[in-house]
Amino acid sequence: MNKFSLFGKFTVQDGERDTLVEILLEAAESMADLIECEVYLINISPDEPNSVFVYEVWSNEEAHQASLTLEATQKLIQRAKPIITGMERISTLKTKGGKGVS
C-alpha cells in the first residue's frame, strides 16, 4: 500500500483560528463521498493560537490535486483566503497502512 499523505499548517490572523477550523471542517464534510480521500483531520495546538494543522491521506497525489479543482473546494478556499497569513507543508508522506486507512 502506498498512499499520498500531507501534513500541513495554516497560520491565520489573530482571533481567526476558529473561523478557519469551521471552514476546514466544511471541506472535510464536502469530501465525505470522495473515496480517494481516506483521512482529513483538522487539528489545533494550545501552544499556537493562530495555527491550524491538517493531516490528509489520499489514494494518490492526483486525487488530492483533483480535489482542489472541485467547485465546493474552490468556494471554501475563497472564504479562507482573507484570514490566512501563511501556509506550510510540513511534510509529504507515503502512508503504508494502519488504523483508519484501507
Protein backbone atom coordinates (compact mmCIF):
# COMPACT_ATOMS: atom_id res chain seq x y z
CA MET A 1 0.00 0.00 0.00
CA ASN A 2 1.27 3.44 -0.93
CA LYS A 3 -0.99 6.36 -0.16
CA PHE A 4 -0.28 10.05 -0.64
CA SER A 5 -0.36 11.94 2.64
CA LEU A 6 0.16 15.55 3.65
CA PHE A 7 0.75 17.24 6.95
CA GLY A 8 0.24 20.97 6.64
CA LYS A 9 -0.01 24.09 8.75
CA PHE A 10 -2.12 27.17 8.16
CA THR A 11 -1.40 30.39 10.02
CA VAL A 12 -4.26 32.86 10.38
CA GLN A 13 -4.89 36.39 11.56
CA ASP A 14 -5.27 36.89 15.32
CA GLY A 15 -8.57 35.52 16.55
CA GLU A 16 -9.47 33.75 13.29
CA ARG A 17 -8.39 30.18 14.11
CA ASP A 18 -11.92 29.00 14.91
CA THR A 19 -13.18 30.50 11.64
CA LEU A 20 -10.62 28.53 9.65
CA VAL A 21 -11.39 25.39 11.65
CA GLU A 22 -15.07 25.75 10.67
CA ILE A 23 -14.18 26.23 7.01
CA LEU A 24 -11.87 23.20 7.01
CA LEU A 25 -14.49 21.07 8.76
CA GLU A 26 -16.87 22.04 5.95
CA ALA A 27 -14.18 20.94 3.49
CA ALA A 28 -13.92 17.60 5.28
CA GLU A 29 -17.68 17.20 5.11
CA SER A 30 -17.71 18.04 1.40
CA MET A 31 -15.23 15.21 0.80
CA ALA A 32 -17.31 12.59 2.62
CA ASP A 33 -18.26 10.90 -0.65
CA LEU A 34 -14.78 11.07 -2.21
CA ILE A 35 -13.46 7.55 -1.73
CA GLU A 36 -9.99 8.75 -2.74
CA CYS A 37 -9.86 10.88 0.44
CA GLU A 38 -9.37 8.41 3.27
CA VAL A 39 -8.41 10.76 6.10
CA TYR A 40 -8.88 14.52 6.50
CA LEU A 41 -8.21 15.64 10.06
CA ILE A 42 -8.29 19.20 11.38
CA ASN A 43 -6.11 19.82 14.42
CA ILE A 44 -5.22 22.72 16.71
CA SER A 45 -2.43 23.19 19.23
CA PRO A 46 -2.90 25.03 22.51
CA ASP A 47 0.63 26.38 22.03
CA GLU A 48 -0.13 28.02 18.65
CA PRO A 49 -3.38 30.03 18.86
CA ASN A 50 -3.11 31.25 15.26
CA SER A 51 -2.38 27.89 13.64
CA VAL A 52 -4.45 25.04 12.24
CA PHE A 53 -2.87 21.73 11.26
CA VAL A 54 -4.34 19.42 8.63
CA TYR A 55 -3.43 15.77 8.10
CA GLU A 56 -4.70 14.16 4.89
CA VAL A 57 -4.44 10.68 3.39
CA TRP A 58 -5.36 10.19 -0.27
CA SER A 59 -5.34 7.18 -2.56
CA ASN A 60 -2.79 9.06 -4.68
CA GLU A 61 -1.43 12.54 -5.34
CA GLU A 62 -3.56 13.01 -8.45
CA ALA A 63 -6.74 12.55 -6.39
CA HIS A 64 -5.56 15.22 -3.99
CA GLN A 65 -4.82 17.64 -6.84
CA ALA A 66 -8.19 16.92 -8.45
CA SER A 67 -9.98 17.72 -5.17
CA LEU A 68 -8.56 21.23 -5.27
CA THR A 69 -10.40 21.94 -8.53
CA LEU A 70 -13.85 20.97 -7.23
CA GLU A 71 -16.37 23.81 -7.08
CA ALA A 72 -17.08 23.23 -3.38
CA THR A 73 -13.36 23.30 -2.59
CA GLN A 74 -12.82 26.47 -4.59
CA LYS A 75 -15.64 28.25 -2.72
CA LEU A 76 -14.15 27.26 0.64
CA ILE A 77 -10.69 28.39 -0.45
CA GLN A 78 -12.11 31.81 -1.39
CA ARG A 79 -13.71 32.12 2.05
CA ALA A 80 -10.49 31.15 3.82
CA LYS A 81 -8.02 33.27 1.83
CA PRO A 82 -8.72 36.61 3.58
CA ILE A 83 -7.82 35.24 7.02
CA ILE A 84 -4.83 33.05 6.09
CA THR A 85 -1.45 34.68 6.64
CA GLY A 86 0.71 31.68 5.82
CA MET A 87 0.77 28.06 4.71
CA GLU A 88 3.45 25.47 5.27
CA ARG A 89 3.66 21.92 4.01
CA ILE A 90 5.31 20.32 6.99
CA SER A 91 5.72 17.01 5.23
CA THR A 92 4.58 14.91 2.29
CA LEU A 93 4.42 11.28 3.31
CA LYS A 94 3.84 7.81 1.88
CA THR A 95 1.37 6.11 4.19
CA LYS A 96 1.98 2.38 4.43
CA GLY A 97 -1.06 1.42 6.49
CA GLY A 98 -2.56 1.46 9.95
CA LYS A 99 -5.85 2.00 11.71
CA GLY A 100 -8.19 4.22 9.71
CA VAL A 101 -6.60 3.64 6.33
CA SER A 102 -7.77 0.92 3.99
